[in-house]
Amino acid sequence: MSSNDHSSGASKILLAFFGGIAAGIAAGFYLNSEHGRHFRQDTMEKLSSFESKIEDKVKSAFKNAKETAKQTAASVEDKAQKFQKEADRTNV
C-alpha cells in the first residue's frame, strides 16, 4: 500500500467526520427554529398516538390469546374426562 492510499483514506475519513459535524449543526439549527419546534411537537404527538394504538393492539391480542388458551384448556379437560369415562366403562 502506498502513502497516497493512506492519505486518501485519511482524507475520506476526515471529510466524513466534518460532514457529520456540519450535518449535526444544520440539524440543530433547524430543530431550534420555529418550524423545527413545530416539527418536533407534531412528531411527538404522532409517536404518542402510535404508541397508544400499539399498546391497545397488544393488550387486545394478549386478551384474545388468554381467552383462547382458557377455551383450549377447558376443551382438553372435557375430552380427557370423556376418555376417562369411556375407559372406565370398557374396563368394567
N, C-alpha and C. Protein backbone atom coordinates (compact mmCIF):
# COMPACT_ATOMS: atom_id res chain seq x y z
N MET A 1 0.84 -1.18 0.00
CA MET A 1 0.00 0.00 0.00
C MET A 1 0.88 1.24 0.00
N SER A 2 0.61 2.17 -0.85
CA SER A 2 1.44 3.36 -0.93
C SER A 2 0.97 4.42 0.04
N SER A 3 1.79 5.44 0.22
CA SER A 3 1.42 6.51 1.14
C SER A 3 0.24 7.31 0.61
N ASN A 4 0.04 7.33 -0.71
CA ASN A 4 -1.12 8.00 -1.29
C ASN A 4 -2.41 7.31 -0.90
N ASP A 5 -2.37 5.98 -0.84
CA ASP A 5 -3.55 5.23 -0.42
C ASP A 5 -3.93 5.57 1.02
N HIS A 6 -2.92 5.69 1.89
CA HIS A 6 -3.18 6.03 3.29
C HIS A 6 -3.71 7.45 3.42
N SER A 7 -3.14 8.38 2.69
CA SER A 7 -3.58 9.77 2.80
C SER A 7 -4.96 9.94 2.18
N SER A 8 -5.26 9.17 1.13
CA SER A 8 -6.59 9.24 0.51
C SER A 8 -7.64 8.70 1.48
N GLY A 9 -7.33 7.59 2.16
CA GLY A 9 -8.25 7.03 3.14
C GLY A 9 -8.45 7.96 4.32
N ALA A 10 -7.38 8.58 4.78
CA ALA A 10 -7.47 9.52 5.90
C ALA A 10 -8.28 10.75 5.49
N SER A 11 -8.12 11.19 4.26
CA SER A 11 -8.87 12.35 3.77
C SER A 11 -10.36 12.05 3.74
N LYS A 12 -10.70 10.84 3.30
CA LYS A 12 -12.11 10.45 3.25
C LYS A 12 -12.70 10.39 4.65
N ILE A 13 -11.92 9.89 5.60
CA ILE A 13 -12.40 9.81 6.98
C ILE A 13 -12.61 11.21 7.55
N LEU A 14 -11.66 12.10 7.33
CA LEU A 14 -11.79 13.49 7.81
C LEU A 14 -12.97 14.18 7.15
N LEU A 15 -13.13 13.97 5.85
CA LEU A 15 -14.25 14.59 5.14
C LEU A 15 -15.58 14.08 5.71
N ALA A 16 -15.68 12.78 5.96
CA ALA A 16 -16.90 12.21 6.54
C ALA A 16 -17.13 12.75 7.95
N PHE A 17 -16.06 12.88 8.72
CA PHE A 17 -16.16 13.39 10.09
C PHE A 17 -16.68 14.83 10.10
N PHE A 18 -16.07 15.68 9.29
CA PHE A 18 -16.50 17.08 9.26
C PHE A 18 -17.86 17.23 8.59
N GLY A 19 -18.17 16.35 7.65
CA GLY A 19 -19.51 16.35 7.06
C GLY A 19 -20.56 16.01 8.11
N GLY A 20 -20.24 15.07 8.98
CA GLY A 20 -21.15 14.71 10.07
C GLY A 20 -21.35 15.85 11.04
N ILE A 21 -20.26 16.54 11.35
CA ILE A 21 -20.37 17.70 12.24
C ILE A 21 -21.25 18.77 11.60
N ALA A 22 -21.03 19.05 10.31
CA ALA A 22 -21.83 20.06 9.61
C ALA A 22 -23.30 19.67 9.59
N ALA A 23 -23.58 18.39 9.34
CA ALA A 23 -24.97 17.92 9.32
C ALA A 23 -25.60 18.05 10.71
N GLY A 24 -24.84 17.75 11.76
CA GLY A 24 -25.35 17.90 13.12
C GLY A 24 -25.66 19.35 13.47
N ILE A 25 -24.78 20.25 13.06
CA ILE A 25 -25.01 21.68 13.31
C ILE A 25 -26.25 22.15 12.55
N ALA A 26 -26.37 21.75 11.29
CA ALA A 26 -27.53 22.14 10.48
C ALA A 26 -28.83 21.60 11.11
N ALA A 27 -28.79 20.37 11.55
CA ALA A 27 -29.98 19.78 12.18
C ALA A 27 -30.32 20.53 13.47
N GLY A 28 -29.30 20.88 14.23
CA GLY A 28 -29.53 21.64 15.46
C GLY A 28 -30.18 22.98 15.19
N PHE A 29 -29.69 23.70 14.19
CA PHE A 29 -30.29 24.99 13.83
C PHE A 29 -31.73 24.81 13.37
N TYR A 30 -31.96 23.79 12.55
CA TYR A 30 -33.31 23.55 12.05
C TYR A 30 -34.26 23.20 13.20
N LEU A 31 -33.85 22.28 14.05
CA LEU A 31 -34.74 21.85 15.13
C LEU A 31 -34.96 22.94 16.17
N ASN A 32 -34.09 23.93 16.20
CA ASN A 32 -34.26 25.05 17.13
C ASN A 32 -35.07 26.18 16.52
N SER A 33 -35.33 26.12 15.21
CA SER A 33 -36.13 27.16 14.56
C SER A 33 -37.60 26.95 14.91
N GLU A 34 -38.42 27.92 14.56
CA GLU A 34 -39.86 27.82 14.81
C GLU A 34 -40.44 26.60 14.08
N HIS A 35 -40.06 26.45 12.83
CA HIS A 35 -40.54 25.31 12.05
C HIS A 35 -40.06 23.99 12.65
N GLY A 36 -38.82 23.97 13.12
CA GLY A 36 -38.27 22.76 13.74
C GLY A 36 -38.97 22.40 15.03
N ARG A 37 -39.30 23.42 15.84
CA ARG A 37 -40.04 23.16 17.09
C ARG A 37 -41.42 22.61 16.77
N HIS A 38 -42.07 23.17 15.75
CA HIS A 38 -43.39 22.67 15.33
C HIS A 38 -43.27 21.22 14.83
N PHE A 39 -42.23 20.95 14.06
CA PHE A 39 -41.98 19.60 13.56
C PHE A 39 -41.77 18.63 14.72
N ARG A 40 -40.98 19.02 15.72
CA ARG A 40 -40.74 18.15 16.87
C ARG A 40 -42.03 17.88 17.63
N GLN A 41 -42.84 18.93 17.82
CA GLN A 41 -44.11 18.77 18.54
C GLN A 41 -45.04 17.82 17.78
N ASP A 42 -45.16 18.02 16.47
CA ASP A 42 -46.01 17.12 15.66
C ASP A 42 -45.51 15.69 15.73
N THR A 43 -44.21 15.53 15.65
CA THR A 43 -43.62 14.19 15.70
C THR A 43 -43.90 13.53 17.03
N MET A 44 -43.76 14.26 18.12
CA MET A 44 -44.03 13.70 19.44
C MET A 44 -45.49 13.30 19.58
N GLU A 45 -46.40 14.13 19.06
CA GLU A 45 -47.82 13.80 19.13
C GLU A 45 -48.13 12.53 18.32
N LYS A 46 -47.54 12.44 17.13
CA LYS A 46 -47.78 11.26 16.30
C LYS A 46 -47.20 10.00 16.94
N LEU A 47 -46.02 10.13 17.52
CA LEU A 47 -45.41 8.98 18.20
C LEU A 47 -46.23 8.55 19.40
N SER A 48 -46.75 9.52 20.13
CA SER A 48 -47.58 9.20 21.29
C SER A 48 -48.85 8.48 20.86
N SER A 49 -49.47 8.97 19.79
CA SER A 49 -50.68 8.34 19.27
C SER A 49 -50.37 6.92 18.79
N PHE A 50 -49.26 6.77 18.07
CA PHE A 50 -48.85 5.46 17.58
C PHE A 50 -48.59 4.51 18.74
N GLU A 51 -47.92 5.00 19.77
CA GLU A 51 -47.64 4.18 20.95
C GLU A 51 -48.93 3.71 21.60
N SER A 52 -49.89 4.61 21.70
CA SER A 52 -51.18 4.27 22.30
C SER A 52 -51.90 3.19 21.49
N LYS A 53 -51.88 3.34 20.16
CA LYS A 53 -52.53 2.35 19.29
C LYS A 53 -51.86 0.98 19.42
N ILE A 54 -50.55 0.98 19.43
CA ILE A 54 -49.81 -0.28 19.55
C ILE A 54 -50.12 -0.93 20.90
N GLU A 55 -50.13 -0.12 21.95
CA GLU A 55 -50.43 -0.64 23.29
C GLU A 55 -51.81 -1.28 23.33
N ASP A 56 -52.80 -0.61 22.73
CA ASP A 56 -54.16 -1.16 22.69
C ASP A 56 -54.20 -2.48 21.92
N LYS A 57 -53.49 -2.54 20.79
CA LYS A 57 -53.49 -3.77 19.99
C LYS A 57 -52.80 -4.91 20.73
N VAL A 58 -51.73 -4.61 21.43
CA VAL A 58 -51.02 -5.65 22.19
C VAL A 58 -51.91 -6.16 23.32
N LYS A 59 -52.57 -5.26 24.02
CA LYS A 59 -53.47 -5.68 25.10
C LYS A 59 -54.61 -6.54 24.55
N SER A 60 -55.16 -6.14 23.41
CA SER A 60 -56.25 -6.90 22.80
C SER A 60 -55.77 -8.28 22.37
N ALA A 61 -54.59 -8.34 21.76
CA ALA A 61 -54.05 -9.64 21.31
C ALA A 61 -53.78 -10.53 22.52
N PHE A 62 -53.25 -9.96 23.59
CA PHE A 62 -52.98 -10.74 24.80
C PHE A 62 -54.28 -11.27 25.40
N LYS A 63 -55.31 -10.42 25.43
CA LYS A 63 -56.60 -10.83 25.97
C LYS A 63 -57.19 -11.97 25.12
N ASN A 64 -57.09 -11.85 23.80
CA ASN A 64 -57.60 -12.90 22.91
C ASN A 64 -56.82 -14.20 23.09
N ALA A 65 -55.51 -14.09 23.21
CA ALA A 65 -54.69 -15.29 23.40
C ALA A 65 -55.01 -15.96 24.72
N LYS A 66 -55.22 -15.16 25.75
CA LYS A 66 -55.56 -15.70 27.07
C LYS A 66 -56.91 -16.43 27.02
N GLU A 67 -57.88 -15.83 26.34
CA GLU A 67 -59.21 -16.44 26.23
C GLU A 67 -59.13 -17.74 25.42
N THR A 68 -58.37 -17.72 24.34
CA THR A 68 -58.20 -18.92 23.52
C THR A 68 -57.54 -20.03 24.34
N ALA A 69 -56.55 -19.68 25.13
CA ALA A 69 -55.87 -20.67 25.97
C ALA A 69 -56.84 -21.26 26.99
N LYS A 70 -57.69 -20.43 27.58
CA LYS A 70 -58.68 -20.93 28.55
C LYS A 70 -59.66 -21.89 27.87
N GLN A 71 -60.14 -21.50 26.68
CA GLN A 71 -61.08 -22.35 25.96
C GLN A 71 -60.44 -23.68 25.56
N THR A 72 -59.20 -23.62 25.12
CA THR A 72 -58.50 -24.84 24.73
C THR A 72 -58.29 -25.75 25.94
N ALA A 73 -57.90 -25.16 27.06
CA ALA A 73 -57.71 -25.95 28.28
C ALA A 73 -59.02 -26.61 28.71
N ALA A 74 -60.11 -25.86 28.64
CA ALA A 74 -61.41 -26.42 29.01
C ALA A 74 -61.81 -27.55 28.07
N SER A 75 -61.54 -27.36 26.79
CA SER A 75 -61.87 -28.40 25.80
C SER A 75 -61.03 -29.66 26.03
N VAL A 76 -59.76 -29.50 26.30
CA VAL A 76 -58.88 -30.64 26.56
C VAL A 76 -59.32 -31.36 27.83
N GLU A 77 -59.66 -30.60 28.85
CA GLU A 77 -60.11 -31.21 30.11
C GLU A 77 -61.41 -31.99 29.88
N ASP A 78 -62.32 -31.41 29.12
CA ASP A 78 -63.59 -32.08 28.83
C ASP A 78 -63.36 -33.39 28.07
N LYS A 79 -62.48 -33.34 27.06
CA LYS A 79 -62.19 -34.55 26.28
C LYS A 79 -61.48 -35.59 27.14
N ALA A 80 -60.61 -35.17 28.01
CA ALA A 80 -59.90 -36.10 28.89
C ALA A 80 -60.90 -36.80 29.81
N GLN A 81 -61.86 -36.05 30.34
CA GLN A 81 -62.87 -36.65 31.20
C GLN A 81 -63.73 -37.65 30.43
N LYS A 82 -64.07 -37.32 29.18
CA LYS A 82 -64.86 -38.24 28.35
C LYS A 82 -64.08 -39.53 28.08
N PHE A 83 -62.80 -39.38 27.76
CA PHE A 83 -61.97 -40.57 27.51
C PHE A 83 -61.84 -41.41 28.78
N GLN A 84 -61.71 -40.74 29.92
CA GLN A 84 -61.58 -41.46 31.19
C GLN A 84 -62.87 -42.24 31.48
N LYS A 85 -64.01 -41.60 31.26
CA LYS A 85 -65.29 -42.28 31.48
C LYS A 85 -65.43 -43.47 30.54
N GLU A 86 -65.04 -43.28 29.27
CA GLU A 86 -65.11 -44.36 28.30
C GLU A 86 -64.19 -45.52 28.70
N ALA A 87 -63.00 -45.17 29.17
CA ALA A 87 -62.04 -46.20 29.60
C ALA A 87 -62.56 -46.94 30.82
N ASP A 88 -63.15 -46.20 31.76
CA ASP A 88 -63.72 -46.83 32.96
C ASP A 88 -64.88 -47.76 32.58
N ARG A 89 -65.67 -47.33 31.64
CA ARG A 89 -66.84 -48.11 31.24
C ARG A 89 -66.42 -49.40 30.52
N THR A 90 -65.40 -49.32 29.69
CA THR A 90 -64.97 -50.51 28.95
C THR A 90 -64.16 -51.46 29.80
N ASN A 91 -63.56 -51.00 30.88
CA ASN A 91 -62.77 -51.85 31.75
C ASN A 91 -63.60 -52.55 32.83
N VAL A 92 -64.83 -52.19 32.95
CA VAL A 92 -65.67 -52.79 33.99
C VAL A 92 -66.12 -54.14 33.65
